[in-house]
Amino acid sequence: MSSQSKKPAKGQKGSQELPRISPKQIRKTFLYIVLAVAAFILFQFITPGDLWNLAIFRPMLNGLLFLYRTFGRSVVWSIVIFTVVVRLLTLPLTLKQLRSAGAMQELQPVLDALKKKYANNKEKLQQETMKLYQEKGINPIRGCFPTLIQFPIWISLYQSIIQLLSDDPLQLLKLAQNIYLNYPSLSHLVPLNSRFFWLDLGRPDPYYILPILVAVTMWAQQKMMSPPSADAQQASMNKSMQLMMPIMFGYITLQYASGLALYFVISNIVGVAIQFAISGPGGLLSKGKVAGSASTAKGGGGGREKDAAKKKR
C-alpha cells in the first residue's frame, strides 16, 4: 500500500499552523520588557526615595519657588498658576475621560436593558456588557487615569508646602538641601510669606472654609460627570460615590496644610469649567431626565437584537 498523507478536513487547521500574533501585541510586549529591564538597571544605582526626590519632588519644589519669585512673591498665586499648569498638562487625559463618560452616558439605556434582560445570569450579563464596550471602543478604566496621575502630584505638593512654609529648623535645613545650586537666588526667598487673609497656608484652615469648598466643588464635578441611570441600584451606587469622594477629600484637607486644600479647590473649579465647556452642566441638572431613559433603553436594546437577527438571516 502506498502511503498517502492525509489532508486536514475542511474547516480544520493544519497541525503545523501557528496562532497569529498581532504586531500591536508584539510592540506592547517588547515595550513592557524594555521598561522592566530599564527599571531593574536603574534601581541598581538609585533607591526609589532618591528617584522620587530627583524626578518629582525637587522639580516641583523649585518650580513653586520660581513661581513665587516671578508672581509678586505670593504663595497663593504660585499654587493657583501651578494648578492651572497641571490641569493643562493633563488636559488630553481629561478630555479622554470626559469623552468616555459621555459615551457611557449614551450607552446607559442599553446597559439598563441588558441588566433587566440578564438579571438572573450574571456571567452572560458581564459577557454582553464587555462585548458592548468593545463594539463602541469604550474602556471604563480609562476614566481613572487623570486621578491616578495626580496622586504623586498631591503628595509632592504637600511635601513642598511643608518645607517651603515651615518654621521648623529641620525642615528649613532640608529645604536648603533641595534647592537647586544653579539657582542660588531662590534660596534668598526663604522664609516665604504664607499668610493669605485668615489662612496660614502651611497649616489647616481654622474655620474649615476651604475643606467645605473642596467637598462642594468636588461634588459638583462628580455630579456633572455621572450619567443618570434608570436602574435604581446603579443610581444608588452613583449617588454614594458622588458623596463619598467629596466627604473623604474634605476630611483629608481638615487635617493638612490649607495650601493643599487651595490646590484641590482650584483644580476642581478648572475641572468644572472644562466639563461645562464640553458638555454643559451634564448630570448636575439631570433631575427628571432619567424617567424617559427606560423607553430609550428598550429601543436601544431592541435595536441590538434586531441587528443580530438581521446578521443571522
C-alpha atoms as a PDB file:
ATOM      1  CA  MET A   1       0.000   0.000   0.000  1.00  0.00           C
ATOM      2  CA  SER A   2       1.299   3.427  -0.907  1.00  0.00           C
ATOM      3  CA  SER A   3       1.389   5.788   1.998  1.00  0.00           C
ATOM      4  CA  GLN A   4      -0.611   8.916   1.336  1.00  0.00           C
ATOM      5  CA  SER A   5      -0.515  11.963   3.516  1.00  0.00           C
ATOM      6  CA  LYS A   6      -3.885  12.823   4.873  1.00  0.00           C
ATOM      7  CA  LYS A   7      -5.043  16.346   4.227  1.00  0.00           C
ATOM      8  CA  PRO A   8      -6.733  18.135   7.068  1.00  0.00           C
ATOM      9  CA  ALA A   9     -10.504  18.106   6.849  1.00  0.00           C
ATOM     10  CA  LYS A  10     -12.247  21.206   5.537  1.00  0.00           C
ATOM     11  CA  GLY A  11     -12.657  23.835   8.212  1.00  0.00           C
ATOM     12  CA  GLN A  12      -9.852  22.366  10.333  1.00  0.00           C
ATOM     13  CA  LYS A  13      -6.435  23.991  10.734  1.00  0.00           C
ATOM     14  CA  GLY A  14      -3.251  22.115   9.935  1.00  0.00           C
ATOM     15  CA  SER A  15      -1.307  20.762  12.868  1.00  0.00           C
ATOM     16  CA  GLN A  16       1.716  22.907  11.961  1.00  0.00           C
ATOM     17  CA  GLU A  17      -0.200  26.210  11.737  1.00  0.00           C
ATOM     18  CA  LEU A  18       0.860  28.651  14.438  1.00  0.00           C
ATOM     19  CA  PRO A  19      -1.510  31.116  16.127  1.00  0.00           C
ATOM     20  CA  ARG A  20      -1.328  34.604  14.732  1.00  0.00           C
ATOM     21  CA  ILE A  21       0.014  37.364  16.974  1.00  0.00           C
ATOM     22  CA  SER A  22      -0.844  40.928  16.107  1.00  0.00           C
ATOM     23  CA  PRO A  23       2.060  43.371  15.561  1.00  0.00           C
ATOM     24  CA  LYS A  24       0.455  45.690  18.108  1.00  0.00           C
ATOM     25  CA  GLN A  25       0.651  42.987  20.783  1.00  0.00           C
ATOM     26  CA  ILE A  26       4.299  42.303  19.898  1.00  0.00           C
ATOM     27  CA  ARG A  27       5.187  46.002  20.219  1.00  0.00           C
ATOM     28  CA  LYS A  28       3.369  46.267  23.535  1.00  0.00           C
ATOM     29  CA  THR A  29       5.121  43.184  24.940  1.00  0.00           C
ATOM     30  CA  PHE A  30       8.515  44.467  23.747  1.00  0.00           C
ATOM     31  CA  LEU A  31       7.831  47.846  25.396  1.00  0.00           C
ATOM     32  CA  TYR A  32       6.972  46.171  28.717  1.00  0.00           C
ATOM     33  CA  ILE A  33      10.191  44.125  28.585  1.00  0.00           C
ATOM     34  CA  VAL A  34      12.297  47.226  27.840  1.00  0.00           C
ATOM     35  CA  LEU A  35      10.662  49.168  30.682  1.00  0.00           C
ATOM     36  CA  ALA A  36      11.160  46.284  33.129  1.00  0.00           C
ATOM     37  CA  VAL A  37      14.846  45.945  32.204  1.00  0.00           C
ATOM     38  CA  ALA A  38      15.370  49.726  32.408  1.00  0.00           C
ATOM     39  CA  ALA A  39      13.707  49.865  35.847  1.00  0.00           C
ATOM     40  CA  PHE A  40      15.843  46.938  37.074  1.00  0.00           C
ATOM     41  CA  ILE A  41      19.063  48.601  35.897  1.00  0.00           C
ATOM     42  CA  LEU A  42      18.013  51.980  37.296  1.00  0.00           C
ATOM     43  CA  PHE A  43      17.263  50.604  40.759  1.00  0.00           C
ATOM     44  CA  GLN A  44      20.742  49.090  40.921  1.00  0.00           C
ATOM     45  CA  PHE A  45      22.191  52.612  41.095  1.00  0.00           C
ATOM     46  CA  ILE A  46      19.456  54.656  42.783  1.00  0.00           C
ATOM     47  CA  THR A  47      16.896  53.987  45.506  1.00  0.00           C
ATOM     48  CA  PRO A  48      13.162  54.639  44.972  1.00  0.00           C
ATOM     49  CA  GLY A  49      13.330  57.500  47.512  1.00  0.00           C
ATOM     50  CA  ASP A  50      16.169  59.186  45.630  1.00  0.00           C
ATOM     51  CA  LEU A  51      14.301  58.706  42.354  1.00  0.00           C
ATOM     52  CA  TRP A  52      11.204  60.348  43.878  1.00  0.00           C
ATOM     53  CA  ASN A  53      13.219  63.356  45.032  1.00  0.00           C
ATOM     54  CA  LEU A  54      15.110  63.650  41.766  1.00  0.00           C
ATOM     55  CA  ALA A  55      12.214  63.235  39.332  1.00  0.00           C
ATOM     56  CA  ILE A  56       9.178  64.655  41.167  1.00  0.00           C
ATOM     57  CA  PHE A  57       9.717  66.380  44.488  1.00  0.00           C
ATOM     58  CA  ARG A  58      12.725  68.652  43.810  1.00  0.00           C
ATOM     59  CA  PRO A  59      11.456  69.898  40.403  1.00  0.00           C
ATOM     60  CA  MET A  60       8.083  70.746  41.976  1.00  0.00           C
ATOM     61  CA  LEU A  61       9.610  72.495  44.995  1.00  0.00           C
ATOM     62  CA  ASN A  62      11.943  74.609  42.858  1.00  0.00           C
ATOM     63  CA  GLY A  63       9.150  75.276  40.374  1.00  0.00           C
ATOM     64  CA  LEU A  64       6.966  76.671  43.169  1.00  0.00           C
ATOM     65  CA  LEU A  65       9.859  78.843  44.329  1.00  0.00           C
ATOM     66  CA  PHE A  66      10.324  80.134  40.784  1.00  0.00           C
ATOM     67  CA  LEU A  67       6.606  80.977  40.501  1.00  0.00           C
ATOM     68  CA  TYR A  68       6.748  82.654  43.918  1.00  0.00           C
ATOM     69  CA  ARG A  69       9.617  84.888  42.783  1.00  0.00           C
ATOM     70  CA  THR A  70       8.012  85.644  39.401  1.00  0.00           C
ATOM     71  CA  PHE A  71       4.467  86.449  40.522  1.00  0.00           C
ATOM     72  CA  GLY A  72       4.841  89.026  43.271  1.00  0.00           C
ATOM     73  CA  ARG A  73       6.124  86.712  45.998  1.00  0.00           C
ATOM     74  CA  SER A  74       2.650  85.330  46.600  1.00  0.00           C
ATOM     75  CA  VAL A  75       2.249  81.692  47.648  1.00  0.00           C
ATOM     76  CA  VAL A  76      -1.424  81.806  46.624  1.00  0.00           C
ATOM     77  CA  TRP A  77      -0.634  82.889  43.055  1.00  0.00           C
ATOM     78  CA  SER A  78       2.131  80.274  42.913  1.00  0.00           C
ATOM     79  CA  ILE A  79      -0.316  77.491  43.831  1.00  0.00           C
ATOM     80  CA  VAL A  80      -3.049  78.825  41.503  1.00  0.00           C
ATOM     81  CA  ILE A  81      -0.725  79.046  38.490  1.00  0.00           C
ATOM     82  CA  PHE A  82       0.845  75.689  39.312  1.00  0.00           C
ATOM     83  CA  THR A  83      -2.642  74.129  39.482  1.00  0.00           C
ATOM     84  CA  VAL A  84      -3.658  75.587  36.103  1.00  0.00           C
ATOM     85  CA  VAL A  85      -0.406  74.336  34.525  1.00  0.00           C
ATOM     86  CA  VAL A  86      -1.020  70.816  35.893  1.00  0.00           C
ATOM     87  CA  ARG A  87      -4.588  70.839  34.569  1.00  0.00           C
ATOM     88  CA  LEU A  88      -3.381  71.972  31.143  1.00  0.00           C
ATOM     89  CA  LEU A  89      -0.721  69.252  31.035  1.00  0.00           C
ATOM     90  CA  THR A  90      -3.281  66.588  31.947  1.00  0.00           C
ATOM     91  CA  LEU A  91      -5.933  68.071  29.633  1.00  0.00           C
ATOM     92  CA  PRO A  92      -5.578  65.352  26.927  1.00  0.00           C
ATOM     93  CA  LEU A  93      -6.265  62.665  29.542  1.00  0.00           C
ATOM     94  CA  THR A  94      -9.116  64.727  30.988  1.00  0.00           C
ATOM     95  CA  LEU A  95     -10.711  65.059  27.539  1.00  0.00           C
ATOM     96  CA  LYS A  96     -10.477  61.285  27.054  1.00  0.00           C
ATOM     97  CA  GLN A  97     -12.082  60.832  30.464  1.00  0.00           C
ATOM     98  CA  LEU A  98     -14.936  63.193  29.560  1.00  0.00           C
ATOM     99  CA  ARG A  99     -15.481  61.532  26.170  1.00  0.00           C
ATOM    100  CA  SER A 100     -15.547  58.144  27.872  1.00  0.00           C
ATOM    101  CA  ALA A 101     -18.080  59.452  30.417  1.00  0.00           C
ATOM    102  CA  GLY A 102     -20.203  60.881  27.577  1.00  0.00           C
ATOM    103  CA  ALA A 103     -20.106  57.586  25.689  1.00  0.00           C
ATOM    104  CA  MET A 104     -21.072  55.742  28.878  1.00  0.00           C
ATOM    105  CA  GLN A 105     -23.983  58.138  29.323  1.00  0.00           C
ATOM    106  CA  GLU A 106     -25.205  57.390  25.792  1.00  0.00           C
ATOM    107  CA  LEU A 107     -24.899  53.652  26.421  1.00  0.00           C
ATOM    108  CA  GLN A 108     -26.648  53.782  29.790  1.00  0.00           C
ATOM    109  CA  PRO A 109     -30.131  52.933  28.404  1.00  0.00           C
ATOM    110  CA  VAL A 110     -28.697  49.896  26.591  1.00  0.00           C
ATOM    111  CA  LEU A 111     -26.820  48.812  29.720  1.00  0.00           C
ATOM    112  CA  ASP A 112     -30.012  49.123  31.774  1.00  0.00           C
ATOM    113  CA  ALA A 113     -31.833  46.968  29.202  1.00  0.00           C
ATOM    114  CA  LEU A 114     -29.097  44.322  29.398  1.00  0.00           C
ATOM    115  CA  LYS A 115     -29.328  44.279  33.204  1.00  0.00           C
ATOM    116  CA  LYS A 116     -33.071  43.618  33.001  1.00  0.00           C
ATOM    117  CA  LYS A 117     -32.675  41.001  30.285  1.00  0.00           C
ATOM    118  CA  TYR A 118     -29.919  39.042  32.067  1.00  0.00           C
ATOM    119  CA  ALA A 119     -30.960  39.765  35.637  1.00  0.00           C
ATOM    120  CA  ASN A 120     -30.664  36.076  36.545  1.00  0.00           C
ATOM    121  CA  ASN A 121     -27.491  35.367  34.565  1.00  0.00           C
ATOM    122  CA  LYS A 122     -24.593  37.459  35.863  1.00  0.00           C
ATOM    123  CA  GLU A 123     -21.987  35.732  33.688  1.00  0.00           C
ATOM    124  CA  LYS A 124     -23.954  36.381  30.492  1.00  0.00           C
ATOM    125  CA  LEU A 125     -24.558  39.977  31.584  1.00  0.00           C
ATOM    126  CA  GLN A 126     -20.818  40.519  32.048  1.00  0.00           C
ATOM    127  CA  GLN A 127     -20.067  38.993  28.641  1.00  0.00           C
ATOM    128  CA  GLU A 128     -22.664  41.128  26.851  1.00  0.00           C
ATOM    129  CA  THR A 129     -21.511  44.266  28.673  1.00  0.00           C
ATOM    130  CA  MET A 130     -17.872  43.704  27.698  1.00  0.00           C
ATOM    131  CA  LYS A 131     -18.958  42.928  24.128  1.00  0.00           C
ATOM    132  CA  LEU A 132     -20.869  46.204  24.006  1.00  0.00           C
ATOM    133  CA  TYR A 133     -17.856  48.132  25.326  1.00  0.00           C
ATOM    134  CA  GLN A 134     -15.642  46.535  22.661  1.00  0.00           C
ATOM    135  CA  GLU A 135     -18.122  47.359  19.906  1.00  0.00           C
ATOM    136  CA  LYS A 136     -18.220  51.007  20.955  1.00  0.00           C
ATOM    137  CA  GLY A 137     -14.471  51.260  21.732  1.00  0.00           C
ATOM    138  CA  ILE A 138     -15.016  52.197  25.390  1.00  0.00           C
ATOM    139  CA  ASN A 139     -12.601  51.440  28.219  1.00  0.00           C
ATOM    140  CA  PRO A 140     -14.278  52.179  31.603  1.00  0.00           C
ATOM    141  CA  ILE A 141     -10.922  52.025  33.420  1.00  0.00           C
ATOM    142  CA  ARG A 142      -9.526  54.852  31.281  1.00  0.00           C
ATOM    143  CA  GLY A 143     -11.546  57.380  33.271  1.00  0.00           C
ATOM    144  CA  CYS A 144      -9.359  56.709  36.337  1.00  0.00           C
ATOM    145  CA  PHE A 145      -6.079  57.730  34.670  1.00  0.00           C
ATOM    146  CA  PRO A 146      -6.249  61.524  35.326  1.00  0.00           C
ATOM    147  CA  THR A 147      -6.915  60.912  39.028  1.00  0.00           C
ATOM    148  CA  LEU A 148      -4.174  58.277  39.350  1.00  0.00           C
ATOM    149  CA  ILE A 149      -1.632  60.552  37.662  1.00  0.00           C
ATOM    150  CA  GLN A 150      -2.399  63.345  40.120  1.00  0.00           C
ATOM    151  CA  PHE A 151      -1.686  61.210  43.222  1.00  0.00           C
ATOM    152  CA  PRO A 152       2.110  61.770  43.031  1.00  0.00           C
ATOM    153  CA  ILE A 153       1.423  65.484  42.414  1.00  0.00           C
ATOM    154  CA  TRP A 154      -0.723  65.733  45.562  1.00  0.00           C
ATOM    155  CA  ILE A 155       1.897  64.004  47.721  1.00  0.00           C
ATOM    156  CA  SER A 156       4.778  66.042  46.308  1.00  0.00           C
ATOM    157  CA  LEU A 157       2.828  69.311  46.594  1.00  0.00           C
ATOM    158  CA  TYR A 158       2.083  68.583  50.254  1.00  0.00           C
ATOM    159  CA  GLN A 159       5.767  67.864  50.918  1.00  0.00           C
ATOM    160  CA  SER A 160       6.770  71.061  49.092  1.00  0.00           C
ATOM    161  CA  ILE A 161       4.310  73.218  51.062  1.00  0.00           C
ATOM    162  CA  ILE A 162       5.500  71.719  54.373  1.00  0.00           C
ATOM    163  CA  GLN A 163       9.136  72.515  53.585  1.00  0.00           C
ATOM    164  CA  LEU A 164       8.532  75.916  51.962  1.00  0.00           C
ATOM    165  CA  LEU A 165       6.240  77.284  54.660  1.00  0.00           C
ATOM    166  CA  SER A 166       7.657  75.590  57.740  1.00  0.00           C
ATOM    167  CA  ASP A 167       9.329  77.461  60.594  1.00  0.00           C
ATOM    168  CA  ASP A 168      10.897  74.221  61.893  1.00  0.00           C
ATOM    169  CA  PRO A 169      14.728  74.382  61.652  1.00  0.00           C
ATOM    170  CA  LEU A 170      14.918  70.743  60.486  1.00  0.00           C
ATOM    171  CA  GLN A 171      12.505  71.401  57.597  1.00  0.00           C
ATOM    172  CA  LEU A 172      14.410  74.581  56.673  1.00  0.00           C
ATOM    173  CA  LEU A 173      17.636  72.563  56.574  1.00  0.00           C
ATOM    174  CA  LYS A 174      16.010  70.022  54.247  1.00  0.00           C
ATOM    175  CA  LEU A 175      14.706  72.885  52.112  1.00  0.00           C
ATOM    176  CA  ALA A 176      18.233  74.288  51.731  1.00  0.00           C
ATOM    177  CA  GLN A 177      19.434  70.876  50.568  1.00  0.00           C
ATOM    178  CA  ASN A 178      16.662  70.546  47.976  1.00  0.00           C
ATOM    179  CA  ILE A 179      17.046  73.952  46.308  1.00  0.00           C
ATOM    180  CA  TYR A 180      19.000  73.689  43.061  1.00  0.00           C
ATOM    181  CA  LEU A 181      22.553  75.002  43.448  1.00  0.00           C
ATOM    182  CA  ASN A 182      22.399  76.501  39.929  1.00  0.00           C
ATOM    183  CA  TYR A 183      19.719  78.925  41.146  1.00  0.00           C
ATOM    184  CA  PRO A 184      21.142  80.498  44.331  1.00  0.00           C
ATOM    185  CA  SER A 185      18.699  83.415  44.032  1.00  0.00           C
ATOM    186  CA  LEU A 186      15.886  81.058  45.039  1.00  0.00           C
ATOM    187  CA  SER A 187      17.421  80.495  48.478  1.00  0.00           C
ATOM    188  CA  HIS A 188      17.124  84.229  49.241  1.00  0.00           C
ATOM    189  CA  LEU A 189      13.320  83.937  49.024  1.00  0.00           C
ATOM    190  CA  VAL A 190      13.139  81.919  52.251  1.00  0.00           C
ATOM    191  CA  PRO A 191      11.213  82.356  54.502  1.00  0.00           C
ATOM    192  CA  LEU A 192       8.102  82.684  52.314  1.00  0.00           C
ATOM    193  CA  ASN A 193       5.067  84.802  53.152  1.00  0.00           C
ATOM    194  CA  SER A 194       2.464  82.149  53.996  1.00  0.00           C
ATOM    195  CA  ARG A 195      -0.357  84.459  55.122  1.00  0.00           C
ATOM    196  CA  PHE A 196      -3.483  84.917  52.996  1.00  0.00           C
ATOM    197  CA  PHE A 197      -6.470  86.593  54.670  1.00  0.00           C
ATOM    198  CA  TRP A 198      -7.242  84.374  57.696  1.00  0.00           C
ATOM    199  CA  LEU A 199      -5.111  81.490  56.358  1.00  0.00           C
ATOM    200  CA  ASP A 200      -1.646  80.310  57.155  1.00  0.00           C
ATOM    201  CA  LEU A 201      -1.139  78.158  54.021  1.00  0.00           C
ATOM    202  CA  GLY A 202       1.289  75.879  55.861  1.00  0.00           C
ATOM    203  CA  ARG A 203      -1.386  74.943  58.434  1.00  0.00           C
ATOM    204  CA  PRO A 204      -5.007  73.662  58.300  1.00  0.00           C
ATOM    205  CA  ASP A 205      -7.834  76.160  57.792  1.00  0.00           C
ATOM    206  CA  PRO A 206      -9.036  77.069  61.324  1.00  0.00           C
ATOM    207  CA  TYR A 207     -12.545  77.963  60.099  1.00  0.00           C
ATOM    208  CA  TYR A 208     -12.996  74.913  57.812  1.00  0.00           C
ATOM    209  CA  ILE A 209     -13.979  77.099  54.843  1.00  0.00           C
ATOM    210  CA  LEU A 210     -11.512  75.569  52.351  1.00  0.00           C
ATOM    211  CA  PRO A 211     -12.364  71.936  53.276  1.00  0.00           C
ATOM    212  CA  ILE A 212     -16.059  72.742  52.714  1.00  0.00           C
ATOM    213  CA  LEU A 213     -15.202  74.308  49.338  1.00  0.00           C
ATOM    214  CA  VAL A 214     -13.155  71.208  48.457  1.00  0.00           C
ATOM    215  CA  ALA A 215     -16.140  68.948  49.173  1.00  0.00           C
ATOM    216  CA  VAL A 216     -18.677  71.165  47.355  1.00  0.00           C
ATOM    217  CA  THR A 217     -16.595  71.726  44.197  1.00  0.00           C
ATOM    218  CA  MET A 218     -15.628  68.040  44.011  1.00  0.00           C
ATOM    219  CA  TRP A 219     -19.284  67.012  44.413  1.00  0.00           C
ATOM    220  CA  ALA A 220     -20.274  69.388  41.587  1.00  0.00           C
ATOM    221  CA  GLN A 221     -17.577  67.984  39.313  1.00  0.00           C
ATOM    222  CA  GLN A 222     -18.553  64.368  40.064  1.00  0.00           C
ATOM    223  CA  LYS A 223     -22.231  65.162  39.598  1.00  0.00           C
ATOM    224  CA  MET A 224     -21.574  66.702  36.183  1.00  0.00           C
ATOM    225  CA  MET A 225     -19.607  63.645  35.071  1.00  0.00           C
ATOM    226  CA  SER A 226     -22.025  60.978  36.367  1.00  0.00           C
ATOM    227  CA  PRO A 227     -24.626  59.810  33.838  1.00  0.00           C
ATOM    228  CA  PRO A 228     -28.236  59.401  35.055  1.00  0.00           C
ATOM    229  CA  SER A 229     -29.448  55.814  35.335  1.00  0.00           C
ATOM    230  CA  ALA A 230     -32.911  54.272  35.247  1.00  0.00           C
ATOM    231  CA  ASP A 231     -31.614  51.313  37.246  1.00  0.00           C
ATOM    232  CA  ALA A 232     -32.317  52.010  40.936  1.00  0.00           C
ATOM    233  CA  GLN A 233     -29.285  50.018  42.141  1.00  0.00           C
ATOM    234  CA  GLN A 234     -26.891  51.799  39.751  1.00  0.00           C
ATOM    235  CA  ALA A 235     -28.380  55.200  40.616  1.00  0.00           C
ATOM    236  CA  SER A 236     -27.914  54.483  44.331  1.00  0.00           C
ATOM    237  CA  MET A 237     -24.292  53.433  43.724  1.00  0.00           C
ATOM    238  CA  ASN A 238     -23.597  56.599  41.715  1.00  0.00           C
ATOM    239  CA  LYS A 239     -25.101  58.740  44.460  1.00  0.00           C
ATOM    240  CA  SER A 240     -22.969  57.017  47.115  1.00  0.00           C
ATOM    241  CA  MET A 241     -19.789  57.617  45.086  1.00  0.00           C
ATOM    242  CA  GLN A 242     -20.724  61.261  44.495  1.00  0.00           C
ATOM    243  CA  LEU A 243     -20.952  61.766  48.254  1.00  0.00           C
ATOM    244  CA  MET A 244     -18.144  59.506  49.459  1.00  0.00           C
ATOM    245  CA  MET A 245     -15.259  61.067  47.488  1.00  0.00           C
ATOM    246  CA  PRO A 246     -16.041  64.732  48.363  1.00  0.00           C
ATOM    247  CA  ILE A 247     -16.542  63.867  52.041  1.00  0.00           C
ATOM    248  CA  MET A 248     -13.268  61.909  52.110  1.00  0.00           C
ATOM    249  CA  PHE A 249     -11.235  64.697  50.483  1.00  0.00           C
ATOM    250  CA  GLY A 250     -12.957  67.320  52.631  1.00  0.00           C
ATOM    251  CA  TYR A 251     -11.964  65.358  55.744  1.00  0.00           C
ATOM    252  CA  ILE A 252      -8.378  64.958  54.496  1.00  0.00           C
ATOM    253  CA  THR A 253      -8.000  68.708  53.967  1.00  0.00           C
ATOM    254  CA  LEU A 254      -9.219  69.320  57.524  1.00  0.00           C
ATOM    255  CA  GLN A 255      -6.010  67.724  58.763  1.00  0.00           C
ATOM    256  CA  TYR A 256      -3.399  69.031  56.328  1.00  0.00           C
ATOM    257  CA  ALA A 257      -1.956  72.337  55.132  1.00  0.00           C
ATOM    258  CA  SER A 258      -4.543  74.708  53.669  1.00  0.00           C
ATOM    259  CA  GLY A 259      -2.252  75.225  50.663  1.00  0.00           C
ATOM    260  CA  LEU A 260      -3.109  71.676  49.577  1.00  0.00           C
ATOM    261  CA  ALA A 261      -6.824  72.416  50.061  1.00  0.00           C
ATOM    262  CA  LEU A 262      -6.396  75.507  47.877  1.00  0.00           C
ATOM    263  CA  TYR A 263      -4.903  73.300  45.146  1.00  0.00           C
ATOM    264  CA  PHE A 264      -7.940  70.984  45.295  1.00  0.00           C
ATOM    265  CA  VAL A 265     -10.415  73.876  45.119  1.00  0.00           C
ATOM    266  CA  ILE A 266      -8.719  75.492  42.093  1.00  0.00           C
ATOM    267  CA  SER A 267      -8.304  72.116  40.373  1.00  0.00           C
ATOM    268  CA  ASN A 268     -11.992  71.274  40.880  1.00  0.00           C
ATOM    269  CA  ILE A 269     -13.113  74.687  39.593  1.00  0.00           C
ATOM    270  CA  VAL A 270     -10.967  74.293  36.463  1.00  0.00           C
ATOM    271  CA  GLY A 271     -12.373  70.767  36.018  1.00  0.00           C
ATOM    272  CA  VAL A 272     -15.955  72.055  36.298  1.00  0.00           C
ATOM    273  CA  ALA A 273     -15.180  74.789  33.719  1.00  0.00           C
ATOM    274  CA  ILE A 274     -13.708  72.227  31.278  1.00  0.00           C
ATOM    275  CA  GLN A 275     -16.673  69.903  31.756  1.00  0.00           C
ATOM    276  CA  PHE A 276     -19.158  72.752  31.259  1.00  0.00           C
ATOM    277  CA  ALA A 277     -17.375  73.939  28.090  1.00  0.00           C
ATOM    278  CA  ILE A 278     -17.502  70.442  26.575  1.00  0.00           C
ATOM    279  CA  SER A 279     -20.885  69.052  27.589  1.00  0.00           C
ATOM    280  CA  GLY A 280     -22.697  71.710  29.601  1.00  0.00           C
ATOM    281  CA  PRO A 281     -23.969  71.050  33.137  1.00  0.00           C
ATOM    282  CA  GLY A 282     -24.237  67.295  32.454  1.00  0.00           C
ATOM    283  CA  GLY A 283     -25.676  65.352  35.384  1.00  0.00           C
ATOM    284  CA  LEU A 284     -25.722  68.454  37.606  1.00  0.00           C
ATOM    285  CA  LEU A 285     -29.195  69.446  36.302  1.00  0.00           C
ATOM    286  CA  SER A 286     -30.405  65.989  35.244  1.00  0.00           C
ATOM    287  CA  LYS A 287     -33.383  65.624  37.600  1.00  0.00           C
ATOM    288  CA  GLY A 288     -36.406  64.336  35.810  1.00  0.00           C
ATOM    289  CA  LYS A 289     -34.466  63.231  32.740  1.00  0.00           C
ATOM    290  CA  VAL A 290     -33.938  59.674  33.911  1.00  0.00           C
ATOM    291  CA  ALA A 291     -37.569  58.690  33.697  1.00  0.00           C
ATOM    292  CA  GLY A 292     -37.541  58.702  29.919  1.00  0.00           C
ATOM    293  CA  SER A 293     -34.482  56.523  29.696  1.00  0.00           C
ATOM    294  CA  ALA A 294     -36.417  53.316  30.270  1.00  0.00           C
ATOM    295  CA  SER A 295     -38.215  53.619  26.946  1.00  0.00           C
ATOM    296  CA  THR A 296     -34.958  54.569  25.271  1.00  0.00           C
ATOM    297  CA  ALA A 297     -33.350  51.524  26.832  1.00  0.00           C
ATOM    298  CA  LYS A 298     -35.953  49.249  25.301  1.00  0.00           C
ATOM    299  CA  GLY A 299     -35.367  50.863  21.949  1.00  0.00           C
ATOM    300  CA  GLY A 300     -31.602  50.605  22.338  1.00  0.00           C
ATOM    301  CA  GLY A 301     -31.702  47.004  23.483  1.00  0.00           C
ATOM    302  CA  GLY A 302     -34.240  46.118  20.798  1.00  0.00           C
ATOM    303  CA  GLY A 303     -32.027  47.728  18.177  1.00  0.00           C
ATOM    304  CA  ARG A 304     -29.146  45.440  19.092  1.00  0.00           C
ATOM    305  CA  GLU A 305     -31.394  42.384  18.966  1.00  0.00           C
ATOM    306  CA  LYS A 306     -32.758  43.412  15.557  1.00  0.00           C
ATOM    307  CA  ASP A 307     -29.233  43.899  14.225  1.00  0.00           C
ATOM    308  CA  ALA A 308     -28.293  40.441  15.495  1.00  0.00           C
ATOM    309  CA  ALA A 309     -31.391  38.938  13.841  1.00  0.00           C
ATOM    310  CA  LYS A 310     -30.509  40.582  10.515  1.00  0.00           C
ATOM    311  CA  LYS A 311     -26.982  39.159  10.664  1.00  0.00           C
ATOM    312  CA  LYS A 312     -28.362  35.646  11.263  1.00  0.00           C
ATOM    313  CA  ARG A 313     -30.612  35.992   8.212  1.00  0.00           C
END
